[in-house]
Amino acid sequence: MTTVTQMKCACDDCLCIVDISSALQQEGQYYCSETCANGHSAGGSGCGHTGCNCHS
């Protein structure tokens, strides 16, 4: 049996892969940052990780 330890950030536009043991978990989904977990509600774009320009 294989155990998943990493997955793509749940933010649709985000390119980040997160380690589920340290990711932010919200409503059963895993996110790379608070910005993504909050759906970019503060109007910000990007999660702050180099090379990723996600936005919602």
C-alpha atoms as a PDB file:
ATOM      1  CA  MET A   1       0.000   0.000   0.000  1.00  0.00           C
ATOM      2  CA  THR A   2       1.234   3.484  -0.863  1.00  0.00           C
ATOM      3  CA  THR A   3       0.760   6.445   1.461  1.00  0.00           C
ATOM      4  CA  VAL A   4       0.338   9.888  -0.042  1.00  0.00           C
ATOM      5  CA  THR A   5       2.626  12.426   1.618  1.00  0.00           C
ATOM      6  CA  GLN A   6       2.557  15.243  -0.947  1.00  0.00           C
ATOM      7  CA  MET A   7      -0.074  16.770  -3.183  1.00  0.00           C
ATOM      8  CA  LYS A   8      -0.821  19.867  -5.236  1.00  0.00           C
ATOM      9  CA  CYS A   9      -2.071  22.899  -3.326  1.00  0.00           C
ATOM     10  CA  ALA A  10      -5.886  22.967  -3.468  1.00  0.00           C
ATOM     11  CA  CYS A  11      -5.863  26.500  -4.926  1.00  0.00           C
ATOM     12  CA  ASP A  12      -6.841  25.960  -8.581  1.00  0.00           C
ATOM     13  CA  ASP A  13      -4.218  28.286 -10.070  1.00  0.00           C
ATOM     14  CA  CYS A  14      -1.387  27.373  -7.699  1.00  0.00           C
ATOM     15  CA  LEU A  15       1.516  25.260  -8.928  1.00  0.00           C
ATOM     16  CA  CYS A  16       2.898  24.380  -5.491  1.00  0.00           C
ATOM     17  CA  ILE A  17       3.277  20.841  -4.166  1.00  0.00           C
ATOM     18  CA  VAL A  18       2.768  20.631  -0.415  1.00  0.00           C
ATOM     19  CA  ASP A  19       3.781  18.096   2.198  1.00  0.00           C
ATOM     20  CA  ILE A  20       0.469  17.186   3.815  1.00  0.00           C
ATOM     21  CA  SER A  21       2.097  16.914   7.245  1.00  0.00           C
ATOM     22  CA  SER A  22       2.974  20.628   7.230  1.00  0.00           C
ATOM     23  CA  ALA A  23       0.355  22.092   4.852  1.00  0.00           C
ATOM     24  CA  LEU A  24      -2.473  24.322   5.978  1.00  0.00           C
ATOM     25  CA  GLN A  25      -5.620  22.198   6.065  1.00  0.00           C
ATOM     26  CA  GLN A  26      -9.029  23.779   5.604  1.00  0.00           C
ATOM     27  CA  GLU A  27     -12.278  21.935   4.953  1.00  0.00           C
ATOM     28  CA  GLY A  28     -10.399  18.737   4.089  1.00  0.00           C
ATOM     29  CA  GLN A  29      -8.142  20.409   1.517  1.00  0.00           C
ATOM     30  CA  TYR A  30      -4.427  21.174   1.725  1.00  0.00           C
ATOM     31  CA  TYR A  31      -2.894  24.571   0.923  1.00  0.00           C
ATOM     32  CA  CYS A  32       0.646  25.918   0.645  1.00  0.00           C
ATOM     33  CA  SER A  33      -0.093  29.281   2.269  1.00  0.00           C
ATOM     34  CA  GLU A  34      -2.707  31.266   4.153  1.00  0.00           C
ATOM     35  CA  THR A  35      -3.265  33.357   1.022  1.00  0.00           C
ATOM     36  CA  CYS A  36      -4.354  30.290  -0.938  1.00  0.00           C
ATOM     37  CA  ALA A  37      -6.317  28.822   1.987  1.00  0.00           C
ATOM     38  CA  ASN A  38      -8.281  32.077   2.270  1.00  0.00           C
ATOM     39  CA  GLY A  39      -9.078  32.060  -1.450  1.00  0.00           C
ATOM     40  CA  HIS A  40      -7.028  35.216  -2.014  1.00  0.00           C
ATOM     41  CA  SER A  41      -9.829  37.072  -0.241  1.00  0.00           C
ATOM     42  CA  ALA A  42      -7.519  39.956   0.675  1.00  0.00           C
ATOM     43  CA  GLY A  43      -7.225  40.723  -3.019  1.00  0.00           C
ATOM     44  CA  GLY A  44      -3.680  39.468  -3.209  1.00  0.00           C
ATOM     45  CA  SER A  45      -2.323  37.365  -5.985  1.00  0.00           C
ATOM     46  CA  GLY A  46       0.475  34.895  -5.683  1.00  0.00           C
ATOM     47  CA  CYS A  47       1.229  32.643  -2.771  1.00  0.00           C
ATOM     48  CA  GLY A  48       4.683  34.095  -2.182  1.00  0.00           C
ATOM     49  CA  HIS A  49       6.589  31.063  -3.457  1.00  0.00           C
ATOM     50  CA  THR A  50       9.190  31.658  -6.145  1.00  0.00           C
ATOM     51  CA  GLY A  51       7.887  30.944  -9.630  1.00  0.00           C
ATOM     52  CA  CYS A  52       4.222  30.671  -8.658  1.00  0.00           C
ATOM     53  CA  ASN A  53       1.903  33.489  -9.645  1.00  0.00           C
ATOM     54  CA  CYS A  54      -1.417  31.937  -8.634  1.00  0.00           C
ATOM     55  CA  HIS A  55      -4.490  34.030  -8.095  1.00  0.00           C
ATOM     56  CA  SER A  56      -8.150  33.497  -7.673  1.00  0.00           C
END
